[in-house]
Amino acid sequence: PFTADLGGWGNPPLGFEFAANGEADAFA
């Protein structure tokens, strides 16, 4: 369900990050 460490996905992921609110609100 994805938490702050993204469950080990990516190590690190390229372009992806964790969002606690489930939003892409950094998109303009």
mmCIF file of all heavy atoms, coordinates in Angstrom:
data_MODEL
# 
_entry.id   MODEL 
# 
loop_
_atom_site.group_PDB 
_atom_site.id 
_atom_site.type_symbol 
_atom_site.label_atom_id 
_atom_site.label_alt_id 
_atom_site.label_comp_id 
_atom_site.label_asym_id 
_atom_site.label_entity_id 
_atom_site.label_seq_id 
_atom_site.pdbx_PDB_ins_code 
_atom_site.Cartn_x 
_atom_site.Cartn_y 
_atom_site.Cartn_z 
_atom_site.occupancy 
_atom_site.B_iso_or_equiv 
_atom_site.pdbx_formal_charge 
_atom_site.auth_seq_id 
_atom_site.auth_comp_id 
_atom_site.auth_asym_id 
_atom_site.auth_atom_id 
_atom_site.pdbx_PDB_model_num 
ATOM 1   N N   . PRO A 1 1  ? 0.807  -1.221 0.000   1.00 0.00 ? 1  PRO A N   1 
ATOM 2   C CA  . PRO A 1 1  ? 0.000  0.000  0.000   1.00 0.00 ? 1  PRO A CA  1 
ATOM 3   C C   . PRO A 1 1  ? 0.845  1.279  0.000   1.00 0.00 ? 1  PRO A C   1 
ATOM 4   O O   . PRO A 1 1  ? 0.292  2.369  -0.034  1.00 0.00 ? 1  PRO A O   1 
ATOM 5   C CB  . PRO A 1 1  ? -0.798 -0.122 1.300   1.00 0.00 ? 1  PRO A CB  1 
ATOM 6   C CG  . PRO A 1 1  ? 0.137  -0.872 2.212   1.00 0.00 ? 1  PRO A CG  1 
ATOM 7   C CD  . PRO A 1 1  ? 0.902  -1.829 1.336   1.00 0.00 ? 1  PRO A CD  1 
ATOM 8   N N   . PHE A 1 2  ? 2.160  1.138  0.054   1.00 0.00 ? 2  PHE A N   1 
ATOM 9   C CA  . PHE A 1 2  ? 3.147  2.212  0.020   1.00 0.00 ? 2  PHE A CA  1 
ATOM 10  C C   . PHE A 1 2  ? 3.127  3.113  1.258   1.00 0.00 ? 2  PHE A C   1 
ATOM 11  O O   . PHE A 1 2  ? 2.143  3.766  1.565   1.00 0.00 ? 2  PHE A O   1 
ATOM 12  C CB  . PHE A 1 2  ? 3.024  3.059  -1.257  1.00 0.00 ? 2  PHE A CB  1 
ATOM 13  C CG  . PHE A 1 2  ? 3.352  2.287  -2.494  1.00 0.00 ? 2  PHE A CG  1 
ATOM 14  C CD1 . PHE A 1 2  ? 2.372  2.025  -3.444  1.00 0.00 ? 2  PHE A CD1 1 
ATOM 15  C CD2 . PHE A 1 2  ? 4.628  1.796  -2.695  1.00 0.00 ? 2  PHE A CD2 1 
ATOM 16  C CE1 . PHE A 1 2  ? 2.665  1.289  -4.582  1.00 0.00 ? 2  PHE A CE1 1 
ATOM 17  C CE2 . PHE A 1 2  ? 4.935  1.057  -3.836  1.00 0.00 ? 2  PHE A CE2 1 
ATOM 18  C CZ  . PHE A 1 2  ? 3.951  0.798  -4.770  1.00 0.00 ? 2  PHE A CZ  1 
ATOM 19  N N   . THR A 1 3  ? 4.255  3.066  1.931   1.00 0.00 ? 3  THR A N   1 
ATOM 20  C CA  . THR A 1 3  ? 4.530  3.943  3.061   1.00 0.00 ? 3  THR A CA  1 
ATOM 21  C C   . THR A 1 3  ? 5.770  4.762  2.711   1.00 0.00 ? 3  THR A C   1 
ATOM 22  O O   . THR A 1 3  ? 6.229  4.750  1.566   1.00 0.00 ? 3  THR A O   1 
ATOM 23  C CB  . THR A 1 3  ? 4.750  3.124  4.340   1.00 0.00 ? 3  THR A CB  1 
ATOM 24  O OG1 . THR A 1 3  ? 5.768  2.139  4.092   1.00 0.00 ? 3  THR A OG1 1 
ATOM 25  C CG2 . THR A 1 3  ? 3.464  2.410  4.756   1.00 0.00 ? 3  THR A CG2 1 
ATOM 26  N N   . ALA A 1 4  ? 6.318  5.464  3.694   1.00 0.00 ? 4  ALA A N   1 
ATOM 27  C CA  . ALA A 1 4  ? 7.374  6.447  3.419   1.00 0.00 ? 4  ALA A CA  1 
ATOM 28  C C   . ALA A 1 4  ? 8.585  5.854  2.709   1.00 0.00 ? 4  ALA A C   1 
ATOM 29  O O   . ALA A 1 4  ? 9.233  6.529  1.909   1.00 0.00 ? 4  ALA A O   1 
ATOM 30  C CB  . ALA A 1 4  ? 7.798  7.120  4.720   1.00 0.00 ? 4  ALA A CB  1 
ATOM 31  N N   . ASP A 1 5  ? 8.899  4.576  2.957   1.00 0.00 ? 5  ASP A N   1 
ATOM 32  C CA  . ASP A 1 5  ? 10.072 3.978  2.300   1.00 0.00 ? 5  ASP A CA  1 
ATOM 33  C C   . ASP A 1 5  ? 9.715  3.319  0.970   1.00 0.00 ? 5  ASP A C   1 
ATOM 34  O O   . ASP A 1 5  ? 10.572 2.705  0.332   1.00 0.00 ? 5  ASP A O   1 
ATOM 35  C CB  . ASP A 1 5  ? 10.748 2.966  3.217   1.00 0.00 ? 5  ASP A CB  1 
ATOM 36  C CG  . ASP A 1 5  ? 9.862  1.753  3.521   1.00 0.00 ? 5  ASP A CG  1 
ATOM 37  O OD1 . ASP A 1 5  ? 8.687  1.747  3.094   1.00 0.00 ? 5  ASP A OD1 1 
ATOM 38  O OD2 . ASP A 1 5  ? 10.363 0.832  4.187   1.00 0.00 ? 5  ASP A OD2 1 
ATOM 39  N N   . LEU A 1 6  ? 8.446  3.458  0.545   1.00 0.00 ? 6  LEU A N   1 
ATOM 40  C CA  . LEU A 1 6  ? 7.944  2.893  -0.707  1.00 0.00 ? 6  LEU A CA  1 
ATOM 41  C C   . LEU A 1 6  ? 8.108  1.382  -0.796  1.00 0.00 ? 6  LEU A C   1 
ATOM 42  O O   . LEU A 1 6  ? 8.130  0.812  -1.888  1.00 0.00 ? 6  LEU A O   1 
ATOM 43  C CB  . LEU A 1 6  ? 8.611  3.556  -1.921  1.00 0.00 ? 6  LEU A CB  1 
ATOM 44  C CG  . LEU A 1 6  ? 8.224  5.020  -2.181  1.00 0.00 ? 6  LEU A CG  1 
ATOM 45  C CD1 . LEU A 1 6  ? 8.953  5.568  -3.404  1.00 0.00 ? 6  LEU A CD1 1 
ATOM 46  C CD2 . LEU A 1 6  ? 6.716  5.164  -2.363  1.00 0.00 ? 6  LEU A CD2 1 
ATOM 47  N N   . GLY A 1 7  ? 8.259  0.725  0.353   1.00 0.00 ? 7  GLY A N   1 
ATOM 48  C CA  . GLY A 1 7  ? 8.348  -0.723 0.362   1.00 0.00 ? 7  GLY A CA  1 
ATOM 49  C C   . GLY A 1 7  ? 9.559  -1.266 -0.363  1.00 0.00 ? 7  GLY A C   1 
ATOM 50  O O   . GLY A 1 7  ? 9.563  -2.414 -0.804  1.00 0.00 ? 7  GLY A O   1 
ATOM 51  N N   . GLY A 1 8  ? 10.604 -0.445 -0.489  1.00 0.00 ? 8  GLY A N   1 
ATOM 52  C CA  . GLY A 1 8  ? 11.811 -0.888 -1.178  1.00 0.00 ? 8  GLY A CA  1 
ATOM 53  C C   . GLY A 1 8  ? 11.749 -0.776 -2.686  1.00 0.00 ? 8  GLY A C   1 
ATOM 54  O O   . GLY A 1 8  ? 12.662 -1.223 -3.386  1.00 0.00 ? 8  GLY A O   1 
ATOM 55  N N   . TRP A 1 9  ? 10.684 -0.179 -3.231  1.00 0.00 ? 9  TRP A N   1 
ATOM 56  C CA  . TRP A 1 9  ? 10.578 -0.015 -4.676  1.00 0.00 ? 9  TRP A CA  1 
ATOM 57  C C   . TRP A 1 9  ? 11.585 1.031  -5.167  1.00 0.00 ? 9  TRP A C   1 
ATOM 58  O O   . TRP A 1 9  ? 11.677 2.125  -4.630  1.00 0.00 ? 9  TRP A O   1 
ATOM 59  C CB  . TRP A 1 9  ? 9.175  0.427  -5.059  1.00 0.00 ? 9  TRP A CB  1 
ATOM 60  C CG  . TRP A 1 9  ? 8.167  -0.678 -5.049  1.00 0.00 ? 9  TRP A CG  1 
ATOM 61  C CD1 . TRP A 1 9  ? 7.753  -1.407 -3.962  1.00 0.00 ? 9  TRP A CD1 1 
ATOM 62  C CD2 . TRP A 1 9  ? 7.443  -1.168 -6.173  1.00 0.00 ? 9  TRP A CD2 1 
ATOM 63  N NE1 . TRP A 1 9  ? 6.805  -2.323 -4.348  1.00 0.00 ? 9  TRP A NE1 1 
ATOM 64  C CE2 . TRP A 1 9  ? 6.585  -2.205 -5.692  1.00 0.00 ? 9  TRP A CE2 1 
ATOM 65  C CE3 . TRP A 1 9  ? 7.420  -0.831 -7.521  1.00 0.00 ? 9  TRP A CE3 1 
ATOM 66  C CZ2 . TRP A 1 9  ? 5.735  -2.898 -6.536  1.00 0.00 ? 9  TRP A CZ2 1 
ATOM 67  C CZ3 . TRP A 1 9  ? 6.561  -1.523 -8.361  1.00 0.00 ? 9  TRP A CZ3 1 
ATOM 68  C CH2 . TRP A 1 9  ? 5.732  -2.544 -7.873  1.00 0.00 ? 9  TRP A CH2 1 
ATOM 69  N N   . GLY A 1 10 ? 12.328 0.676  -6.198  1.00 0.00 ? 10 GLY A N   1 
ATOM 70  C CA  . GLY A 1 10 ? 13.174 1.644  -6.890  1.00 0.00 ? 10 GLY A CA  1 
ATOM 71  C C   . GLY A 1 10 ? 14.630 1.622  -6.516  1.00 0.00 ? 10 GLY A C   1 
ATOM 72  O O   . GLY A 1 10 ? 15.496 1.457  -7.351  1.00 0.00 ? 10 GLY A O   1 
ATOM 73  N N   . ASN A 1 11 ? 14.907 1.826  -5.261  1.00 0.00 ? 11 ASN A N   1 
ATOM 74  C CA  . ASN A 1 11 ? 16.273 1.845  -4.707  1.00 0.00 ? 11 ASN A CA  1 
ATOM 75  C C   . ASN A 1 11 ? 17.297 2.653  -5.510  1.00 0.00 ? 11 ASN A C   1 
ATOM 76  O O   . ASN A 1 11 ? 18.366 2.149  -5.825  1.00 0.00 ? 11 ASN A O   1 
ATOM 77  C CB  . ASN A 1 11 ? 16.771 0.400  -4.521  1.00 0.00 ? 11 ASN A CB  1 
ATOM 78  C CG  . ASN A 1 11 ? 15.997 -0.307 -3.434  1.00 0.00 ? 11 ASN A CG  1 
ATOM 79  O OD1 . ASN A 1 11 ? 15.616 0.284  -2.429  1.00 0.00 ? 11 ASN A OD1 1 
ATOM 80  N ND2 . ASN A 1 11 ? 15.741 -1.592 -3.638  1.00 0.00 ? 11 ASN A ND2 1 
ATOM 81  N N   . PRO A 1 12 ? 17.134 3.929  -5.804  1.00 0.00 ? 12 PRO A N   1 
ATOM 82  C CA  . PRO A 1 12 ? 15.903 4.704  -5.587  1.00 0.00 ? 12 PRO A CA  1 
ATOM 83  C C   . PRO A 1 12 ? 15.038 4.674  -6.843  1.00 0.00 ? 12 PRO A C   1 
ATOM 84  O O   . PRO A 1 12 ? 15.529 4.366  -7.920  1.00 0.00 ? 12 PRO A O   1 
ATOM 85  C CB  . PRO A 1 12 ? 16.446 6.111  -5.337  1.00 0.00 ? 12 PRO A CB  1 
ATOM 86  C CG  . PRO A 1 12 ? 17.647 6.191  -6.222  1.00 0.00 ? 12 PRO A CG  1 
ATOM 87  C CD  . PRO A 1 12 ? 18.254 4.800  -6.240  1.00 0.00 ? 12 PRO A CD  1 
ATOM 88  N N   . PRO A 1 13 ? 13.751 5.026  -6.715  1.00 0.00 ? 13 PRO A N   1 
ATOM 89  C CA  . PRO A 1 13 ? 12.914 5.119  -7.914  1.00 0.00 ? 13 PRO A CA  1 
ATOM 90  C C   . PRO A 1 13 ? 13.331 6.314  -8.763  1.00 0.00 ? 13 PRO A C   1 
ATOM 91  O O   . PRO A 1 13 ? 13.868 7.302  -8.245  1.00 0.00 ? 13 PRO A O   1 
ATOM 92  C CB  . PRO A 1 13 ? 11.506 5.312  -7.339  1.00 0.00 ? 13 PRO A CB  1 
ATOM 93  C CG  . PRO A 1 13 ? 11.722 5.903  -5.976  1.00 0.00 ? 13 PRO A CG  1 
ATOM 94  C CD  . PRO A 1 13 ? 13.008 5.334  -5.487  1.00 0.00 ? 13 PRO A CD  1 
ATOM 95  N N   . LEU A 1 14 ? 13.094 6.225  -10.056 1.00 0.00 ? 14 LEU A N   1 
ATOM 96  C CA  . LEU A 1 14 ? 13.457 7.294  -10.979 1.00 0.00 ? 14 LEU A CA  1 
ATOM 97  C C   . LEU A 1 14 ? 12.210 8.116  -11.297 1.00 0.00 ? 14 LEU A C   1 
ATOM 98  O O   . LEU A 1 14 ? 11.335 7.676  -12.035 1.00 0.00 ? 14 LEU A O   1 
ATOM 99  C CB  . LEU A 1 14 ? 14.039 6.701  -12.262 1.00 0.00 ? 14 LEU A CB  1 
ATOM 100 C CG  . LEU A 1 14 ? 14.583 7.669  -13.315 1.00 0.00 ? 14 LEU A CG  1 
ATOM 101 C CD1 . LEU A 1 14 ? 15.716 8.499  -12.735 1.00 0.00 ? 14 LEU A CD1 1 
ATOM 102 C CD2 . LEU A 1 14 ? 15.050 6.909  -14.541 1.00 0.00 ? 14 LEU A CD2 1 
ATOM 103 N N   . GLY A 1 15 ? 12.104 9.285  -10.697 1.00 0.00 ? 15 GLY A N   1 
ATOM 104 C CA  . GLY A 1 15 ? 10.963 10.164 -10.930 1.00 0.00 ? 15 GLY A CA  1 
ATOM 105 C C   . GLY A 1 15 ? 9.816  9.978  -9.963  1.00 0.00 ? 15 GLY A C   1 
ATOM 106 O O   . GLY A 1 15 ? 8.948  10.847 -9.852  1.00 0.00 ? 15 GLY A O   1 
ATOM 107 N N   . PHE A 1 16 ? 9.774  8.848  -9.260  1.00 0.00 ? 16 PHE A N   1 
ATOM 108 C CA  . PHE A 1 16 ? 8.706  8.588  -8.301  1.00 0.00 ? 16 PHE A CA  1 
ATOM 109 C C   . PHE A 1 16 ? 9.144  8.957  -6.886  1.00 0.00 ? 16 PHE A C   1 
ATOM 110 O O   . PHE A 1 16 ? 10.323 8.870  -6.543  1.00 0.00 ? 16 PHE A O   1 
ATOM 111 C CB  . PHE A 1 16 ? 8.302  7.110  -8.320  1.00 0.00 ? 16 PHE A CB  1 
ATOM 112 C CG  . PHE A 1 16 ? 7.444  6.718  -9.481  1.00 0.00 ? 16 PHE A CG  1 
ATOM 113 C CD1 . PHE A 1 16 ? 8.025  6.190  -10.626 1.00 0.00 ? 16 PHE A CD1 1 
ATOM 114 C CD2 . PHE A 1 16 ? 6.064  6.877  -9.440  1.00 0.00 ? 16 PHE A CD2 1 
ATOM 115 C CE1 . PHE A 1 16 ? 7.240  5.805  -11.706 1.00 0.00 ? 16 PHE A CE1 1 
ATOM 116 C CE2 . PHE A 1 16 ? 5.273  6.496  -10.515 1.00 0.00 ? 16 PHE A CE2 1 
ATOM 117 C CZ  . PHE A 1 16 ? 5.864  5.960  -11.661 1.00 0.00 ? 16 PHE A CZ  1 
ATOM 118 N N   . GLU A 1 17 ? 8.174  9.331  -6.061  1.00 0.00 ? 17 GLU A N   1 
ATOM 119 C CA  . GLU A 1 17 ? 8.418  9.604  -4.649  1.00 0.00 ? 17 GLU A CA  1 
ATOM 120 C C   . GLU A 1 17 ? 7.168  9.272  -3.861  1.00 0.00 ? 17 GLU A C   1 
ATOM 121 O O   . GLU A 1 17 ? 6.099  9.024  -4.426  1.00 0.00 ? 17 GLU A O   1 
ATOM 122 C CB  . GLU A 1 17 ? 8.805  11.073 -4.444  1.00 0.00 ? 17 GLU A CB  1 
ATOM 123 C CG  . GLU A 1 17 ? 7.734  12.052 -4.882  1.00 0.00 ? 17 GLU A CG  1 
ATOM 124 C CD  . GLU A 1 17 ? 8.193  13.501 -4.767  1.00 0.00 ? 17 GLU A CD  1 
ATOM 125 O OE1 . GLU A 1 17 ? 9.348  13.711 -4.359  1.00 0.00 ? 17 GLU A OE1 1 
ATOM 126 O OE2 . GLU A 1 17 ? 7.398  14.397 -5.084  1.00 0.00 ? 17 GLU A OE2 1 
ATOM 127 N N   . PHE A 1 18 ? 7.302  9.259  -2.546  1.00 0.00 ? 18 PHE A N   1 
ATOM 128 C CA  . PHE A 1 18 ? 6.160  8.980  -1.678  1.00 0.00 ? 18 PHE A CA  1 
ATOM 129 C C   . PHE A 1 18 ? 5.363  10.252 -1.439  1.00 0.00 ? 18 PHE A C   1 
ATOM 130 O O   . PHE A 1 18 ? 5.923  11.326 -1.219  1.00 0.00 ? 18 PHE A O   1 
ATOM 131 C CB  . PHE A 1 18 ? 6.641  8.424  -0.341  1.00 0.00 ? 18 PHE A CB  1 
ATOM 132 C CG  . PHE A 1 18 ? 5.533  8.210  0.660   1.00 0.00 ? 18 PHE A CG  1 
ATOM 133 C CD1 . PHE A 1 18 ? 4.602  7.202  0.486   1.00 0.00 ? 18 PHE A CD1 1 
ATOM 134 C CD2 . PHE A 1 18 ? 5.418  9.035  1.767   1.00 0.00 ? 18 PHE A CD2 1 
ATOM 135 C CE1 . PHE A 1 18 ? 3.578  6.995  1.400   1.00 0.00 ? 18 PHE A CE1 1 
ATOM 136 C CE2 . PHE A 1 18 ? 4.402  8.838  2.697   1.00 0.00 ? 18 PHE A CE2 1 
ATOM 137 C CZ  . PHE A 1 18 ? 3.475  7.822  2.507   1.00 0.00 ? 18 PHE A CZ  1 
ATOM 138 N N   . ALA A 1 19 ? 4.025  10.131 -1.487  1.00 0.00 ? 19 ALA A N   1 
ATOM 139 C CA  . ALA A 1 19 ? 3.135  11.237 -1.151  1.00 0.00 ? 19 ALA A CA  1 
ATOM 140 C C   . ALA A 1 19 ? 2.141  10.741 -0.110  1.00 0.00 ? 19 ALA A C   1 
ATOM 141 O O   . ALA A 1 19 ? 1.316  9.872  -0.399  1.00 0.00 ? 19 ALA A O   1 
ATOM 142 C CB  . ALA A 1 19 ? 2.399  11.746 -2.381  1.00 0.00 ? 19 ALA A CB  1 
ATOM 143 N N   . ALA A 1 20 ? 2.246  11.265 1.097   1.00 0.00 ? 20 ALA A N   1 
ATOM 144 C CA  . ALA A 1 20 ? 1.392  10.802 2.190   1.00 0.00 ? 20 ALA A CA  1 
ATOM 145 C C   . ALA A 1 20 ? -0.082 11.081 1.930   1.00 0.00 ? 20 ALA A C   1 
ATOM 146 O O   . ALA A 1 20 ? -0.955 10.352 2.409   1.00 0.00 ? 20 ALA A O   1 
ATOM 147 C CB  . ALA A 1 20 ? 1.824  11.459 3.497   1.00 0.00 ? 20 ALA A CB  1 
ATOM 148 N N   . ASN A 1 21 ? -0.384 12.127 1.150   1.00 0.00 ? 21 ASN A N   1 
ATOM 149 C CA  . ASN A 1 21 ? -1.782 12.477 0.881   1.00 0.00 ? 21 ASN A CA  1 
ATOM 150 C C   . ASN A 1 21 ? -2.330 11.807 -0.372  1.00 0.00 ? 21 ASN A C   1 
ATOM 151 O O   . ASN A 1 21 ? -3.491 12.025 -0.739  1.00 0.00 ? 21 ASN A O   1 
ATOM 152 C CB  . ASN A 1 21 ? -1.952 13.990 0.782   1.00 0.00 ? 21 ASN A CB  1 
ATOM 153 C CG  . ASN A 1 21 ? -1.128 14.618 -0.348  1.00 0.00 ? 21 ASN A CG  1 
ATOM 154 O OD1 . ASN A 1 21 ? -0.482 13.899 -1.124  1.00 0.00 ? 21 ASN A OD1 1 
ATOM 155 N ND2 . ASN A 1 21 ? -1.135 15.934 -0.434  1.00 0.00 ? 21 ASN A ND2 1 
ATOM 156 N N   . GLY A 1 22 ? -1.508 10.997 -1.065  1.00 0.00 ? 22 GLY A N   1 
ATOM 157 C CA  . GLY A 1 22 ? -1.987 10.307 -2.255  1.00 0.00 ? 22 GLY A CA  1 
ATOM 158 C C   . GLY A 1 22 ? -2.268 11.225 -3.423  1.00 0.00 ? 22 GLY A C   1 
ATOM 159 O O   . GLY A 1 22 ? -3.001 10.855 -4.343  1.00 0.00 ? 22 GLY A O   1 
ATOM 160 N N   . GLU A 1 23 ? -1.658 12.415 -3.429  1.00 0.00 ? 23 GLU A N   1 
ATOM 161 C CA  . GLU A 1 23 ? -1.889 13.390 -4.491  1.00 0.00 ? 23 GLU A CA  1 
ATOM 162 C C   . GLU A 1 23 ? -0.587 13.722 -5.222  1.00 0.00 ? 23 GLU A C   1 
ATOM 163 O O   . GLU A 1 23 ? 0.492  13.617 -4.643  1.00 0.00 ? 23 GLU A O   1 
ATOM 164 C CB  . GLU A 1 23 ? -2.470 14.691 -3.914  1.00 0.00 ? 23 GLU A CB  1 
ATOM 165 C CG  . GLU A 1 23 ? -3.803 14.522 -3.218  1.00 0.00 ? 23 GLU A CG  1 
ATOM 166 C CD  . GLU A 1 23 ? -4.333 15.835 -2.661  1.00 0.00 ? 23 GLU A CD  1 
ATOM 167 O OE1 . GLU A 1 23 ? -3.640 16.875 -2.808  1.00 0.00 ? 23 GLU A OE1 1 
ATOM 168 O OE2 . GLU A 1 23 ? -5.426 15.833 -2.078  1.00 0.00 ? 23 GLU A OE2 1 
ATOM 169 N N   . ALA A 1 24 ? -0.731 14.157 -6.473  1.00 0.00 ? 24 ALA A N   1 
ATOM 170 C CA  . ALA A 1 24 ? 0.413  14.684 -7.226  1.00 0.00 ? 24 ALA A CA  1 
ATOM 171 C C   . ALA A 1 24 ? 0.306  16.203 -7.235  1.00 0.00 ? 24 ALA A C   1 
ATOM 172 O O   . ALA A 1 24 ? 0.355  16.855 -8.278  1.00 0.00 ? 24 ALA A O   1 
ATOM 173 C CB  . ALA A 1 24 ? 0.424  14.132 -8.647  1.00 0.00 ? 24 ALA A CB  1 
ATOM 174 N N   . ASP A 1 25 ? 0.146  16.781 -6.034  1.00 0.00 ? 25 ASP A N   1 
ATOM 175 C CA  . ASP A 1 25 ? -0.152 18.207 -5.943  1.00 0.00 ? 25 ASP A CA  1 
ATOM 176 C C   . ASP A 1 25 ? 1.038  19.102 -6.254  1.00 0.00 ? 25 ASP A C   1 
ATOM 177 O O   . ASP A 1 25 ? 0.902  20.329 -6.292  1.00 0.00 ? 25 ASP A O   1 
ATOM 178 C CB  . ASP A 1 25 ? -0.748 18.565 -4.583  1.00 0.00 ? 25 ASP A CB  1 
ATOM 179 C CG  . ASP A 1 25 ? 0.067  18.035 -3.418  1.00 0.00 ? 25 ASP A CG  1 
ATOM 180 O OD1 . ASP A 1 25 ? 1.158  17.488 -3.654  1.00 0.00 ? 25 ASP A OD1 1 
ATOM 181 O OD2 . ASP A 1 25 ? -0.394 18.157 -2.268  1.00 0.00 ? 25 ASP A OD2 1 
ATOM 182 N N   . ALA A 1 26 ? 2.227  18.516 -6.507  1.00 0.00 ? 26 ALA A N   1 
ATOM 183 C CA  . ALA A 1 26 ? 3.351  19.322 -6.983  1.00 0.00 ? 26 ALA A CA  1 
ATOM 184 C C   . ALA A 1 26 ? 3.201  19.644 -8.472  1.00 0.00 ? 26 ALA A C   1 
ATOM 185 O O   . ALA A 1 26 ? 3.907  20.510 -8.995  1.00 0.00 ? 26 ALA A O   1 
ATOM 186 C CB  . ALA A 1 26 ? 4.672  18.596 -6.742  1.00 0.00 ? 26 ALA A CB  1 
ATOM 187 N N   . PHE A 1 27 ? 2.286  18.940 -9.162  1.00 0.00 ? 27 PHE A N   1 
ATOM 188 C CA  . PHE A 1 27 ? 1.988  19.258 -10.563 1.00 0.00 ? 27 PHE A CA  1 
ATOM 189 C C   . PHE A 1 27 ? 1.327  20.623 -10.607 1.00 0.00 ? 27 PHE A C   1 
ATOM 190 O O   . PHE A 1 27 ? 0.375  20.904 -9.880  1.00 0.00 ? 27 PHE A O   1 
ATOM 191 C CB  . PHE A 1 27 ? 1.073  18.179 -11.143 1.00 0.00 ? 27 PHE A CB  1 
ATOM 192 C CG  . PHE A 1 27 ? 0.590  18.457 -12.534 1.00 0.00 ? 27 PHE A CG  1 
ATOM 193 C CD1 . PHE A 1 27 ? 1.487  18.644 -13.566 1.00 0.00 ? 27 PHE A CD1 1 
ATOM 194 C CD2 . PHE A 1 27 ? -0.766 18.520 -12.815 1.00 0.00 ? 27 PHE A CD2 1 
ATOM 195 C CE1 . PHE A 1 27 ? 1.046  18.901 -14.861 1.00 0.00 ? 27 PHE A CE1 1 
ATOM 196 C CE2 . PHE A 1 27 ? -1.225 18.761 -14.089 1.00 0.00 ? 27 PHE A CE2 1 
ATOM 197 C CZ  . PHE A 1 27 ? -0.311 18.957 -15.120 1.00 0.00 ? 27 PHE A CZ  1 
ATOM 198 N N   . ALA A 1 28 ? 1.828  21.503 -11.475 1.00 0.00 ? 28 ALA A N   1 
ATOM 199 C CA  . ALA A 1 28 ? 1.417  22.912 -11.464 1.00 0.00 ? 28 ALA A CA  1 
ATOM 200 C C   . ALA A 1 28 ? -0.083 23.092 -11.664 1.00 0.00 ? 28 ALA A C   1 
ATOM 201 O O   . ALA A 1 28 ? -0.679 24.035 -11.125 1.00 0.00 ? 28 ALA A O   1 
ATOM 202 C CB  . ALA A 1 28 ? 2.192  23.678 -12.544 1.00 0.00 ? 28 ALA A CB  1 
# 
